[in-house]
PDB file of N, CA and C in Angstrom:
ATOM      1  N   MET A   1       7.418   6.357 -21.815  1.00  0.00           N
ATOM      2  CA  MET A   1       7.088   5.066 -21.257  1.00  0.00           C
ATOM      3  C   MET A   1       5.632   5.028 -20.779  1.00  0.00           C
ATOM      4  N   ALA A   2       5.190   6.137 -20.204  1.00  0.00           N
ATOM      5  CA  ALA A   2       3.813   6.191 -19.718  1.00  0.00           C
ATOM      6  C   ALA A   2       2.834   6.028 -20.871  1.00  0.00           C
ATOM      7  N   GLU A   3       3.180   6.571 -22.032  1.00  0.00           N
ATOM      8  CA  GLU A   3       2.297   6.441 -23.193  1.00  0.00           C
ATOM      9  C   GLU A   3       2.180   4.989 -23.645  1.00  0.00           C
ATOM     10  N   VAL A   4       3.282   4.244 -23.543  1.00  0.00           N
ATOM     11  CA  VAL A   4       3.266   2.826 -23.933  1.00  0.00           C
ATOM     12  C   VAL A   4       2.363   2.034 -23.004  1.00  0.00           C
ATOM     13  N   ILE A   5       2.486   2.274 -21.714  1.00  0.00           N
ATOM     14  CA  ILE A   5       1.647   1.563 -20.749  1.00  0.00           C
ATOM     15  C   ILE A   5       0.188   1.939 -20.955  1.00  0.00           C
ATOM     16  N   ALA A   6      -0.068   3.227 -21.212  1.00  0.00           N
ATOM     17  CA  ALA A   6      -1.446   3.669 -21.428  1.00  0.00           C
ATOM     18  C   ALA A   6      -2.047   3.035 -22.667  1.00  0.00           C
ATOM     19  N   ALA A   7      -1.233   2.863 -23.697  1.00  0.00           N
ATOM     20  CA  ALA A   7      -1.736   2.271 -24.939  1.00  0.00           C
ATOM     21  C   ALA A   7      -2.130   0.816 -24.758  1.00  0.00           C
ATOM     22  N   PHE A   8      -1.409   0.089 -23.906  1.00  0.00           N
ATOM     23  CA  PHE A   8      -1.686  -1.331 -23.723  1.00  0.00           C
ATOM     24  C   PHE A   8      -2.565  -1.646 -22.522  1.00  0.00           C
ATOM     25  N   SER A   9      -2.824  -0.664 -21.692  1.00  0.00           N
ATOM     26  CA  SER A   9      -3.671  -0.932 -20.525  1.00  0.00           C
ATOM     27  C   SER A   9      -5.132  -0.970 -20.951  1.00  0.00           C
ATOM     28  N   ASP A  10      -5.875  -1.894 -20.376  1.00  0.00           N
ATOM     29  CA  ASP A  10      -7.288  -2.040 -20.735  1.00  0.00           C
ATOM     30  C   ASP A  10      -8.198  -1.176 -19.871  1.00  0.00           C
ATOM     31  N   SER A  11      -7.634  -0.549 -18.873  1.00  0.00           N
ATOM     32  CA  SER A  11      -8.453   0.239 -17.969  1.00  0.00           C
ATOM     33  C   SER A  11      -7.722   1.521 -17.590  1.00  0.00           C
ATOM     34  N   GLU A  12      -8.410   2.620 -17.683  1.00  0.00           N
ATOM     35  CA  GLU A  12      -7.817   3.889 -17.287  1.00  0.00           C
ATOM     36  C   GLU A  12      -7.581   3.937 -15.782  1.00  0.00           C
ATOM     37  N   ARG A  13      -8.454   3.306 -15.027  1.00  0.00           N
ATOM     38  CA  ARG A  13      -8.305   3.276 -13.573  1.00  0.00           C
ATOM     39  C   ARG A  13      -7.029   2.529 -13.166  1.00  0.00           C
ATOM     40  N   TRP A  14      -6.748   1.425 -13.835  1.00  0.00           N
ATOM     41  CA  TRP A  14      -5.529   0.669 -13.545  1.00  0.00           C
ATOM     42  C   TRP A  14      -4.310   1.536 -13.800  1.00  0.00           C
ATOM     43  N   PHE A  15      -4.308   2.234 -14.932  1.00  0.00           N
ATOM     44  CA  PHE A  15      -3.182   3.089 -15.278  1.00  0.00           C
ATOM     45  C   PHE A  15      -3.016   4.207 -14.256  1.00  0.00           C
ATOM     46  N   SER A  16      -4.109   4.784 -13.820  1.00  0.00           N
ATOM     47  CA  SER A  16      -4.063   5.851 -12.836  1.00  0.00           C
ATOM     48  C   SER A  16      -3.462   5.363 -11.521  1.00  0.00           C
ATOM     49  N   ARG A  17      -3.885   4.194 -11.058  1.00  0.00           N
ATOM     50  CA  ARG A  17      -3.317   3.637  -9.825  1.00  0.00           C
ATOM     51  C   ARG A  17      -1.837   3.319  -9.992  1.00  0.00           C
ATOM     52  N   PHE A  18      -1.478   2.781 -11.167  1.00  0.00           N
ATOM     53  CA  PHE A  18      -0.082   2.461 -11.440  1.00  0.00           C
ATOM     54  C   PHE A  18       0.781   3.719 -11.370  1.00  0.00           C
ATOM     55  N   MET A  19       0.348   4.791 -12.014  1.00  0.00           N
ATOM     56  CA  MET A  19       1.125   6.030 -12.015  1.00  0.00           C
ATOM     57  C   MET A  19       1.195   6.639 -10.614  1.00  0.00           C
ATOM     58  N   ASP A  20       0.130   6.532  -9.831  1.00  0.00           N
ATOM     59  CA  ASP A  20       0.161   7.025  -8.453  1.00  0.00           C
ATOM     60  C   ASP A  20       1.220   6.296  -7.647  1.00  0.00           C
ATOM     61  N   ARG A  21       1.295   4.993  -7.815  1.00  0.00           N
ATOM     62  CA  ARG A  21       2.294   4.209  -7.075  1.00  0.00           C
ATOM     63  C   ARG A  21       3.710   4.525  -7.534  1.00  0.00           C
ATOM     64  N   VAL A  22       3.898   4.686  -8.822  1.00  0.00           N
ATOM     65  CA  VAL A  22       5.226   5.017  -9.341  1.00  0.00           C
ATOM     66  C   VAL A  22       5.673   6.368  -8.798  1.00  0.00           C
ATOM     67  N   LEU A  23       4.810   7.363  -8.871  1.00  0.00           N
ATOM     68  CA  LEU A  23       5.169   8.685  -8.372  1.00  0.00           C
ATOM     69  C   LEU A  23       5.401   8.664  -6.865  1.00  0.00           C
ATOM     70  N   GLU A  24       4.607   7.894  -6.152  1.00  0.00           N
ATOM     71  CA  GLU A  24       4.745   7.813  -4.695  1.00  0.00           C
ATOM     72  C   GLU A  24       6.096   7.237  -4.300  1.00  0.00           C
ATOM     73  N   ARG A  25       6.584   6.280  -5.063  1.00  0.00           N
ATOM     74  CA  ARG A  25       7.847   5.625  -4.726  1.00  0.00           C
ATOM     75  C   ARG A  25       9.072   6.357  -5.263  1.00  0.00           C
ATOM     76  N   THR A  26       8.906   7.136  -6.303  1.00  0.00           N
ATOM     77  CA  THR A  26      10.068   7.776  -6.905  1.00  0.00           C
ATOM     78  C   THR A  26      10.285   9.218  -6.459  1.00  0.00           C
ATOM     79  N   MET A  27       9.236   9.893  -6.045  1.00  0.00           N
ATOM     80  CA  MET A  27       9.368  11.296  -5.669  1.00  0.00           C
ATOM     81  C   MET A  27       8.953  11.514  -4.220  1.00  0.00           C
ATOM     82  N   ARG A  28       9.648  12.406  -3.577  1.00  0.00           N
ATOM     83  CA  ARG A  28       9.263  12.835  -2.236  1.00  0.00           C
ATOM     84  C   ARG A  28       8.658  14.218  -2.380  1.00  0.00           C
ATOM     85  N   LEU A  29       7.364  14.321  -2.214  1.00  0.00           N
ATOM     86  CA  LEU A  29       6.667  15.583  -2.431  1.00  0.00           C
ATOM     87  C   LEU A  29       6.670  16.432  -1.168  1.00  0.00           C
ATOM     88  N   PRO A  30       6.656  17.743  -1.313  1.00  0.00           N
ATOM     89  CA  PRO A  30       6.534  18.619  -0.149  1.00  0.00           C
ATOM     90  C   PRO A  30       5.193  18.379   0.559  1.00  0.00           C
ATOM     91  N   SER A  31       5.130  18.729   1.835  1.00  0.00           N
ATOM     92  CA  SER A  31       3.916  18.448   2.605  1.00  0.00           C
ATOM     93  C   SER A  31       2.709  19.227   2.115  1.00  0.00           C
ATOM     94  N   TRP A  32       2.903  20.332   1.437  1.00  0.00           N
ATOM     95  CA  TRP A  32       1.780  21.144   0.971  1.00  0.00           C
ATOM     96  C   TRP A  32       1.285  20.717  -0.407  1.00  0.00           C
ATOM     97  N   CYS A  33       2.018  19.851  -1.083  1.00  0.00           N
ATOM     98  CA  CYS A  33       1.677  19.444  -2.439  1.00  0.00           C
ATOM     99  C   CYS A  33       0.454  18.517  -2.458  1.00  0.00           C
ATOM    100  N   VAL A  34      -0.375  18.662  -3.472  1.00  0.00           N
ATOM    101  CA  VAL A  34      -1.565  17.837  -3.618  1.00  0.00           C
ATOM    102  C   VAL A  34      -1.341  16.878  -4.785  1.00  0.00           C
ATOM    103  N   THR A  35      -1.483  15.593  -4.519  1.00  0.00           N
ATOM    104  CA  THR A  35      -1.317  14.599  -5.570  1.00  0.00           C
ATOM    105  C   THR A  35      -2.659  14.344  -6.260  1.00  0.00           C
ATOM    106  N   TRP A  36      -2.622  13.605  -7.346  1.00  0.00           N
ATOM    107  CA  TRP A  36      -3.841  13.322  -8.102  1.00  0.00           C
ATOM    108  C   TRP A  36      -4.900  12.591  -7.261  1.00  0.00           C
ATOM    109  N   PRO A  37      -4.557  11.536  -6.493  1.00  0.00           N
ATOM    110  CA  PRO A  37      -5.591  10.890  -5.672  1.00  0.00           C
ATOM    111  C   PRO A  37      -6.200  11.847  -4.640  1.00  0.00           C
ATOM    112  N   GLU A  38      -5.383  12.710  -4.082  1.00  0.00           N
ATOM    113  CA  GLU A  38      -5.906  13.666  -3.103  1.00  0.00           C
ATOM    114  C   GLU A  38      -6.838  14.669  -3.770  1.00  0.00           C
ATOM    115  N   LEU A  39      -6.499  15.073  -4.970  1.00  0.00           N
ATOM    116  CA  LEU A  39      -7.350  15.995  -5.697  1.00  0.00           C
ATOM    117  C   LEU A  39      -8.687  15.347  -6.043  1.00  0.00           C
ATOM    118  N   ARG A  40      -8.661  14.057  -6.357  1.00  0.00           N
ATOM    119  CA  ARG A  40      -9.902  13.340  -6.663  1.00  0.00           C
ATOM    120  C   ARG A  40     -10.786  13.208  -5.433  1.00  0.00           C
ATOM    121  N   HIS A  41     -10.174  13.162  -4.236  1.00  0.00           N
ATOM    122  CA  HIS A  41     -10.930  13.006  -2.991  1.00  0.00           C
ATOM    123  C   HIS A  41     -11.151  14.337  -2.277  1.00  0.00           C
ATOM    124  N   GLU A  42     -11.039  15.425  -2.999  1.00  0.00           N
ATOM    125  CA  GLU A  42     -11.254  16.747  -2.415  1.00  0.00           C
ATOM    126  C   GLU A  42     -12.656  16.825  -1.812  1.00  0.00           C
ATOM    127  N   GLY A  43     -12.735  17.177  -0.541  1.00  0.00           N
ATOM    128  CA  GLY A  43     -14.018  17.286   0.143  1.00  0.00           C
ATOM    129  C   GLY A  43     -14.506  15.990   0.770  1.00  0.00           C
ATOM    130  N   ASP A  44     -13.798  14.893   0.574  1.00  0.00           N
ATOM    131  CA  ASP A  44     -14.189  13.593   1.121  1.00  0.00           C
ATOM    132  C   ASP A  44     -13.489  13.393   2.466  1.00  0.00           C
ATOM    133  N   SER A  45     -14.151  13.764   3.543  1.00  0.00           N
ATOM    134  CA  SER A  45     -13.521  13.693   4.864  1.00  0.00           C
ATOM    135  C   SER A  45     -13.273  12.257   5.313  1.00  0.00           C
ATOM    136  N   ASP A  46     -14.078  11.304   4.857  1.00  0.00           N
ATOM    137  CA  ASP A  46     -13.846   9.905   5.226  1.00  0.00           C
ATOM    138  C   ASP A  46     -12.508   9.400   4.692  1.00  0.00           C
ATOM    139  N   TYR A  47     -12.139   9.839   3.494  1.00  0.00           N
ATOM    140  CA  TYR A  47     -10.850   9.461   2.902  1.00  0.00           C
ATOM    141  C   TYR A  47      -9.708   9.962   3.778  1.00  0.00           C
ATOM    142  N   TYR A  48      -9.788  11.216   4.211  1.00  0.00           N
ATOM    143  CA  TYR A  48      -8.723  11.787   5.027  1.00  0.00           C
ATOM    144  C   TYR A  48      -8.725  11.228   6.445  1.00  0.00           C
ATOM    145  N   ARG A  49      -9.886  10.896   6.978  1.00  0.00           N
ATOM    146  CA  ARG A  49      -9.920  10.244   8.297  1.00  0.00           C
ATOM    147  C   ARG A  49      -9.211   8.897   8.241  1.00  0.00           C
ATOM    148  N   ALA A  50      -9.507   8.125   7.215  1.00  0.00           N
ATOM    149  CA  ALA A  50      -8.848   6.823   7.057  1.00  0.00           C
ATOM    150  C   ALA A  50      -7.346   6.997   6.860  1.00  0.00           C
ATOM    151  N   ARG A  51      -6.974   8.033   6.147  1.00  0.00           N
ATOM    152  CA  ARG A  51      -5.555   8.279   5.899  1.00  0.00           C
ATOM    153  C   ARG A  51      -4.827   8.646   7.195  1.00  0.00           C
ATOM    154  N   VAL A  52      -5.437   9.497   8.016  1.00  0.00           N
ATOM    155  CA  VAL A  52      -4.842   9.859   9.306  1.00  0.00           C
ATOM    156  C   VAL A  52      -4.776   8.637  10.215  1.00  0.00           C
ATOM    157  N   ASP A  53      -5.859   7.862  10.283  1.00  0.00           N
ATOM    158  CA  ASP A  53      -5.873   6.656  11.115  1.00  0.00           C
ATOM    159  C   ASP A  53      -4.747   5.713  10.718  1.00  0.00           C
ATOM    160  N   ARG A  54      -4.572   5.516   9.422  1.00  0.00           N
ATOM    161  CA  ARG A  54      -3.533   4.614   8.919  1.00  0.00           C
ATOM    162  C   ARG A  54      -2.135   5.141   9.242  1.00  0.00           C
ATOM    163  N   CYS A  55      -1.936   6.433   9.086  1.00  0.00           N
ATOM    164  CA  CYS A  55      -0.631   7.038   9.336  1.00  0.00           C
ATOM    165  C   CYS A  55      -0.251   6.972  10.815  1.00  0.00           C
ATOM    166  N   VAL A  56      -1.174   7.358  11.684  1.00  0.00           N
ATOM    167  CA  VAL A  56      -0.891   7.331  13.129  1.00  0.00           C
ATOM    168  C   VAL A  56      -0.712   5.890  13.607  1.00  0.00           C
ATOM    169  N   SER A  57      -1.502   4.964  13.090  1.00  0.00           N
ATOM    170  CA  SER A  57      -1.352   3.552  13.467  1.00  0.00           C
ATOM    171  C   SER A  57       0.018   3.016  13.050  1.00  0.00           C
ATOM    172  N   HIS A  58       0.481   3.431  11.883  1.00  0.00           N
ATOM    173  CA  HIS A  58       1.804   3.008  11.413  1.00  0.00           C
ATOM    174  C   HIS A  58       2.893   3.488  12.363  1.00  0.00           C
ATOM    175  N   TRP A  59       2.839   4.774  12.754  1.00  0.00           N
ATOM    176  CA  TRP A  59       3.841   5.308  13.665  1.00  0.00           C
ATOM    177  C   TRP A  59       3.728   4.676  15.057  1.00  0.00           C
ATOM    178  N   THR A  60       2.502   4.380  15.492  1.00  0.00           N
ATOM    179  CA  THR A  60       2.315   3.729  16.786  1.00  0.00           C
ATOM    180  C   THR A  60       2.926   2.335  16.776  1.00  0.00           C
ATOM    181  N   GLU A  61       2.732   1.619  15.689  1.00  0.00           N
ATOM    182  CA  GLU A  61       3.316   0.279  15.565  1.00  0.00           C
ATOM    183  C   GLU A  61       4.836   0.339  15.618  1.00  0.00           C
ATOM    184  N   LEU A  62       5.424   1.311  14.932  1.00  0.00           N
ATOM    185  CA  LEU A  62       6.885   1.446  14.947  1.00  0.00           C
ATOM    186  C   LEU A  62       7.406   1.837  16.327  1.00  0.00           C
ATOM    187  N   ALA A  63       6.739   2.786  16.977  1.00  0.00           N
ATOM    188  CA  ALA A  63       7.212   3.296  18.265  1.00  0.00           C
ATOM    189  C   ALA A  63       7.027   2.306  19.400  1.00  0.00           C
ATOM    190  N   SER A  64       6.044   1.433  19.296  1.00  0.00           N
ATOM    191  CA  SER A  64       5.766   0.514  20.401  1.00  0.00           C
ATOM    192  C   SER A  64       6.563  -0.788  20.335  1.00  0.00           C
ATOM    193  N   LYS A  65       7.389  -0.940  19.325  1.00  0.00           N
ATOM    194  CA  LYS A  65       8.227  -2.143  19.258  1.00  0.00           C
ATOM    195  C   LYS A  65       9.237  -2.123  20.397  1.00  0.00           C
ATOM    196  N   PRO A  66       9.556  -3.282  20.947  1.00  0.00           N
ATOM    197  CA  PRO A  66      10.550  -3.316  22.026  1.00  0.00           C
ATOM    198  C   PRO A  66      11.953  -3.012  21.494  1.00  0.00           C
ATOM    199  N   VAL A  67      12.781  -2.501  22.380  1.00  0.00           N
ATOM    200  CA  VAL A  67      14.168  -2.189  22.013  1.00  0.00           C
ATOM    201  C   VAL A  67      14.940  -3.495  21.903  1.00  0.00           C
ATOM    202  N   GLU A  68      15.608  -3.680  20.772  1.00  0.00           N
ATOM    203  CA  GLU A  68      16.407  -4.874  20.549  1.00  0.00           C
ATOM    204  C   GLU A  68      17.883  -4.491  20.604  1.00  0.00           C
ATOM    205  N   PRO A  69      18.719  -5.346  21.207  1.00  0.00           N
ATOM    206  CA  PRO A  69      20.143  -5.019  21.275  1.00  0.00           C
ATOM    207  C   PRO A  69      20.767  -4.970  19.877  1.00  0.00           C
ATOM    208  N   LYS A  70      21.709  -4.046  19.717  1.00  0.00           N
ATOM    209  CA  LYS A  70      22.451  -3.859  18.467  1.00  0.00           C
ATOM    210  C   LYS A  70      21.567  -3.485  17.280  1.00  0.00           C
ATOM    211  N   LYS A  71      20.413  -2.937  17.554  1.00  0.00           N
ATOM    212  CA  LYS A  71      19.520  -2.457  16.497  1.00  0.00           C
ATOM    213  C   LYS A  71      19.112  -1.029  16.842  1.00  0.00           C
ATOM    214  N   PRO A  72      18.736  -0.263  15.837  1.00  0.00           N
ATOM    215  CA  PRO A  72      18.309   1.120  16.131  1.00  0.00           C
ATOM    216  C   PRO A  72      17.085   1.150  17.045  1.00  0.00           C
ATOM    217  N   ARG A  73      17.061   2.161  17.878  1.00  0.00           N
ATOM    218  CA  ARG A  73      15.914   2.319  18.780  1.00  0.00           C
ATOM    219  C   ARG A  73      14.676   2.703  17.977  1.00  0.00           C
ATOM    220  N   PRO A  74      13.504   2.306  18.432  1.00  0.00           N
ATOM    221  CA  PRO A  74      12.271   2.714  17.743  1.00  0.00           C
ATOM    222  C   PRO A  74      12.117   4.232  17.780  1.00  0.00           C
ATOM    223  N   PRO A  75      11.471   4.801  16.780  1.00  0.00           N
ATOM    224  CA  PRO A  75      11.301   6.265  16.768  1.00  0.00           C
ATOM    225  C   PRO A  75      10.411   6.726  17.908  1.00  0.00           C
ATOM    226  N   VAL A  76      10.770   7.850  18.509  1.00  0.00           N
ATOM    227  CA  VAL A  76       9.957   8.396  19.596  1.00  0.00           C
ATOM    228  C   VAL A  76       9.238   9.668  19.173  1.00  0.00           C
ATOM    229  N   GLU A  77       9.604  10.202  18.024  1.00  0.00           N
ATOM    230  CA  GLU A  77       8.924  11.369  17.496  1.00  0.00           C
ATOM    231  C   GLU A  77       8.554  11.118  16.040  1.00  0.00           C
ATOM    232  N   CYS A  78       7.460  11.744  15.633  1.00  0.00           N
ATOM    233  CA  CYS A  78       7.057  11.637  14.234  1.00  0.00           C
ATOM    234  C   CYS A  78       6.389  12.935  13.823  1.00  0.00           C
ATOM    235  N   GLU A  79       6.183  13.057  12.536  1.00  0.00           N
ATOM    236  CA  GLU A  79       5.569  14.247  11.987  1.00  0.00           C
ATOM    237  C   GLU A  79       4.537  13.824  10.951  1.00  0.00           C
ATOM    238  N   ILE A  80       3.310  14.255  11.129  1.00  0.00           N
ATOM    239  CA  ILE A  80       2.233  13.964  10.183  1.00  0.00           C
ATOM    240  C   ILE A  80       2.116  15.183   9.267  1.00  0.00           C
ATOM    241  N   PRO A  81       2.435  15.046   7.973  1.00  0.00           N
ATOM    242  CA  PRO A  81       2.400  16.215   7.082  1.00  0.00           C
ATOM    243  C   PRO A  81       0.982  16.689   6.784  1.00  0.00           C
ATOM    244  N   LEU A  82       0.876  17.940   6.448  1.00  0.00           N
ATOM    245  CA  LEU A  82      -0.409  18.554   6.123  1.00  0.00           C
ATOM    246  C   LEU A  82      -1.137  17.780   5.031  1.00  0.00           C
ATOM    247  N   ARG A  83      -0.416  17.231   4.104  1.00  0.00           N
ATOM    248  CA  ARG A  83      -0.997  16.466   3.007  1.00  0.00           C
ATOM    249  C   ARG A  83      -1.895  15.333   3.517  1.00  0.00           C
ATOM    250  N   ASP A  84      -1.546  14.742   4.661  1.00  0.00           N
ATOM    251  CA  ASP A  84      -2.310  13.612   5.181  1.00  0.00           C
ATOM    252  C   ASP A  84      -3.586  14.014   5.916  1.00  0.00           C
ATOM    253  N   TYR A  85      -3.651  15.224   6.448  1.00  0.00           N
ATOM    254  CA  TYR A  85      -4.824  15.586   7.259  1.00  0.00           C
ATOM    255  C   TYR A  85      -5.545  16.837   6.769  1.00  0.00           C
ATOM    256  N   ARG A  86      -5.224  17.324   5.597  1.00  0.00           N
ATOM    257  CA  ARG A  86      -5.787  18.592   5.156  1.00  0.00           C
ATOM    258  C   ARG A  86      -7.297  18.563   4.978  1.00  0.00           C
ATOM    259  N   GLY A  87      -7.895  17.405   4.823  1.00  0.00           N
ATOM    260  CA  GLY A  87      -9.341  17.311   4.663  1.00  0.00           C
ATOM    261  C   GLY A  87     -10.106  17.206   5.970  1.00  0.00           C
ATOM    262  N   VAL A  88      -9.411  16.961   7.095  1.00  0.00           N
ATOM    263  CA  VAL A  88     -10.099  16.822   8.384  1.00  0.00           C
ATOM    264  C   VAL A  88      -9.552  17.751   9.461  1.00  0.00           C
ATOM    265  N   GLY A  89      -8.386  18.327   9.263  1.00  0.00           N
ATOM    266  CA  GLY A  89      -7.829  19.281  10.215  1.00  0.00           C
ATOM    267  C   GLY A  89      -6.896  18.652  11.231  1.00  0.00           C
ATOM    268  N   GLY A  90      -6.090  19.503  11.838  1.00  0.00           N
ATOM    269  CA  GLY A  90      -5.114  19.061  12.831  1.00  0.00           C
ATOM    270  C   GLY A  90      -5.750  18.540  14.106  1.00  0.00           C
ATOM    271  N   ARG A  91      -6.942  19.006  14.417  1.00  0.00           N
ATOM    272  CA  ARG A  91      -7.613  18.542  15.635  1.00  0.00           C
ATOM    273  C   ARG A  91      -7.910  17.047  15.560  1.00  0.00           C
ATOM    274  N   TYR A  92      -8.308  16.570  14.393  1.00  0.00           N
ATOM    275  CA  TYR A  92      -8.586  15.139  14.251  1.00  0.00           C
ATOM    276  C   TYR A  92      -7.306  14.326  14.451  1.00  0.00           C
ATOM    277  N   VAL A  93      -6.187  14.825  13.935  1.00  0.00           N
ATOM    278  CA  VAL A  93      -4.900  14.148  14.144  1.00  0.00           C
ATOM    279  C   VAL A  93      -4.593  14.079  15.628  1.00  0.00           C
ATOM    280  N   ALA A  94      -4.809  15.178  16.332  1.00  0.00           N
ATOM    281  CA  ALA A  94      -4.547  15.213  17.768  1.00  0.00           C
ATOM    282  C   ALA A  94      -5.428  14.225  18.519  1.00  0.00           C
ATOM    283  N   GLU A  95      -6.697  14.146  18.181  1.00  0.00           N
ATOM    284  CA  GLU A  95      -7.607  13.214  18.856  1.00  0.00           C
ATOM    285  C   GLU A  95      -7.175  11.763  18.647  1.00  0.00           C
ATOM    286  N   VAL A  96      -6.858  11.422  17.413  1.00  0.00           N
ATOM    287  CA  VAL A  96      -6.436  10.042  17.098  1.00  0.00           C
ATOM    288  C   VAL A  96      -5.112   9.730  17.789  1.00  0.00           C
ATOM    289  N   ALA A  97      -4.173  10.663  17.722  1.00  0.00           N
ATOM    290  CA  ALA A  97      -2.855  10.433  18.312  1.00  0.00           C
ATOM    291  C   ALA A  97      -2.928  10.314  19.838  1.00  0.00           C
ATOM    292  N   LEU A  98      -3.698  11.189  20.482  1.00  0.00           N
ATOM    293  CA  LEU A  98      -3.823  11.121  21.941  1.00  0.00           C
ATOM    294  C   LEU A  98      -4.471   9.814  22.373  1.00  0.00           C
ATOM    295  N   ALA A  99      -5.421   9.316  21.603  1.00  0.00           N
ATOM    296  CA  ALA A  99      -6.070   8.046  21.928  1.00  0.00           C
ATOM    297  C   ALA A  99      -5.103   6.868  21.812  1.00  0.00           C
ATOM    298  N   GLN A 100      -4.052   7.019  20.996  1.00  0.00           N
ATOM    299  CA  GLN A 100      -3.090   5.931  20.811  1.00  0.00           C
ATOM    300  C   GLN A 100      -1.820   6.115  21.639  1.00  0.00           C
ATOM    301  N   GLY A 101      -1.789   7.128  22.510  1.00  0.00           N
ATOM    302  CA  GLY A 101      -0.662   7.283  23.429  1.00  0.00           C
ATOM    303  C   GLY A 101       0.400   8.273  23.000  1.00  0.00           C
ATOM    304  N   TRP A 102       0.107   9.165  22.097  1.00  0.00           N
ATOM    305  CA  TRP A 102       1.067  10.168  21.657  1.00  0.00           C
ATOM    306  C   TRP A 102       0.814  11.483  22.387  1.00  0.00           C
ATOM    307  N   GLU A 103       1.859  12.301  22.507  1.00  0.00           N
ATOM    308  CA  GLU A 103       1.754  13.654  23.032  1.00  0.00           C
ATOM    309  C   GLU A 103       1.992  14.624  21.891  1.00  0.00           C
ATOM    310  N   LEU A 104       1.331  15.756  21.931  1.00  0.00           N
ATOM    311  CA  LEU A 104       1.542  16.779  20.916  1.00  0.00           C
ATOM    312  C   LEU A 104       2.820  17.551  21.209  1.00  0.00           C
ATOM    313  N   ARG A 105       3.563  17.866  20.180  1.00  0.00           N
ATOM    314  CA  ARG A 105       4.758  18.696  20.282  1.00  0.00           C
ATOM    315  C   ARG A 105       4.452  20.036  19.619  1.00  0.00           C
ATOM    316  N   PHE A 106       5.218  21.041  19.946  1.00  0.00           N
ATOM    317  CA  PHE A 106       5.022  22.340  19.323  1.00  0.00           C
ATOM    318  C   PHE A 106       5.279  22.218  17.827  1.00  0.00           C
ATOM    319  N   SER A 107       4.326  22.665  17.024  1.00  0.00           N
ATOM    320  CA  SER A 107       4.474  22.619  15.572  1.00  0.00           C
ATOM    321  C   SER A 107       3.511  23.595  14.930  1.00  0.00           C
ATOM    322  N   ALA A 108       3.800  23.942  13.699  1.00  0.00           N
ATOM    323  CA  ALA A 108       2.914  24.803  12.912  1.00  0.00           C
ATOM    324  C   ALA A 108       1.905  23.896  12.215  1.00  0.00           C
ATOM    325  N   VAL A 109       0.654  23.956  12.615  1.00  0.00           N
ATOM    326  CA  VAL A 109      -0.369  23.069  12.079  1.00  0.00           C
ATOM    327  C   VAL A 109      -0.588  23.314  10.585  1.00  0.00           C
ATOM    328  N   SER A 110      -0.203  24.475  10.104  1.00  0.00           N
ATOM    329  CA  SER A 110      -0.340  24.749   8.673  1.00  0.00           C
ATOM    330  C   SER A 110       0.690  23.996   7.844  1.00  0.00           C
ATOM    331  N   GLU A 111       1.654  23.334   8.503  1.00  0.00           N
ATOM    332  CA  GLU A 111       2.672  22.558   7.801  1.00  0.00           C
ATOM    333  C   GLU A 111       2.627  21.078   8.180  1.00  0.00           C
ATOM    334  N   ALA A 112       2.580  20.803   9.481  1.00  0.00           N
ATOM    335  CA  ALA A 112       2.597  19.415   9.956  1.00  0.00           C
ATOM    336  C   ALA A 112       2.232  19.387  11.435  1.00  0.00           C
ATOM    337  N   VAL A 113       1.869  18.203  11.911  1.00  0.00           N
ATOM    338  CA  VAL A 113       1.616  17.987  13.337  1.00  0.00           C
ATOM    339  C   VAL A 113       2.719  17.070  13.845  1.00  0.00           C
ATOM    340  N   ARG A 114       3.463  17.550  14.831  1.00  0.00           N
ATOM    341  CA  ARG A 114       4.554  16.752  15.397  1.00  0.00           C
ATOM    342  C   ARG A 114       4.054  16.054  16.657  1.00  0.00           C
ATOM    343  N   LEU A 115       4.464  14.803  16.818  1.00  0.00           N
ATOM    344  CA  LEU A 115       4.035  13.983  17.951  1.00  0.00           C
ATOM    345  C   LEU A 115       5.237  13.350  18.625  1.00  0.00           C
ATOM    346  N   GLN A 116       5.097  13.078  19.915  1.00  0.00           N
ATOM    347  CA  GLN A 116       6.126  12.358  20.655  1.00  0.00           C
ATOM    348  C   GLN A 116       5.459  11.191  21.368  1.00  0.00           C
ATOM    349  N   TRP A 117       6.111  10.023  21.317  1.00  0.00           N
ATOM    350  CA  TRP A 117       5.597   8.819  21.926  1.00  0.00           C
ATOM    351  C   TRP A 117       5.660   8.948  23.440  1.00  0.00           C
ATOM    352  N   THR A 118       4.533   8.800  24.112  1.00  0.00           N
ATOM    353  CA  THR A 118       4.437   9.002  25.563  1.00  0.00           C
ATOM    354  C   THR A 118       5.287   7.999  26.338  1.00  0.00           C
ATOM    355  N   ALA A 119       5.341   6.765  25.903  1.00  0.00           N
ATOM    356  CA  ALA A 119       6.089   5.735  26.626  1.00  0.00           C
ATOM    357  C   ALA A 119       7.582   6.048  26.666  1.00  0.00           C
ATOM    358  N   ALA A 120       8.080   6.813  25.706  1.00  0.00           N
ATOM    359  CA  ALA A 120       9.506   7.152  25.694  1.00  0.00           C
ATOM    360  C   ALA A 120       9.846   8.181  26.758  1.00  0.00           C
ATOM    361  N   THR A 121       8.884   8.950  27.249  1.00  0.00           N
ATOM    362  CA  THR A 121       9.149   9.966  28.256  1.00  0.00           C
ATOM    363  C   THR A 121       9.031   9.433  29.672  1.00  0.00           C
ATOM    364  N   LYS A 122       8.490   8.251  29.846  1.00  0.00           N
ATOM    365  CA  LYS A 122       8.327   7.670  31.180  1.00  0.00           C
ATOM    366  C   LYS A 122       9.634   7.050  31.644  1.00  0.00           C
ATOM    367  N   VAL A 123       9.946   7.237  32.903  1.00  0.00           N
ATOM    368  CA  VAL A 123      11.164   6.676  33.482  1.00  0.00           C
ATOM    369  C   VAL A 123      10.787   5.450  34.286  1.00  0.00           C
ATOM    370  N   ASP A 124      11.469   4.341  34.046  1.00  0.00           N
ATOM    371  CA  ASP A 124      11.181   3.095  34.779  1.00  0.00           C
ATOM    372  C   ASP A 124      11.842   3.063  36.126  1.00  0.00           C
TER     373      ASP A 124
END
């Protein structure tokens, strides 16, 4: 099927983005695995900074939602896989997360950075 799409696509870049999206939605890759877009951005720290910012912002948005009755509680813990921060390091994840109200949890930085939402630990 990929060959058919490649034959009719007018741009190699379009096909590359299409395949990245298909693989992203169909497969769950291990945290240490490097995908084609990540390999293309090897050494580009701005790409990984933006990726960490986007990931932490997503988790912050989910965790800061108010509790609604008869619905699941917002997540209070999350894990940022090595794949997302390997170009900038775990320290950058910690700086971004602490600025957005997260606490660091014990984790192996060579695999992932675990975070806990600070507001969930406060008692009213």
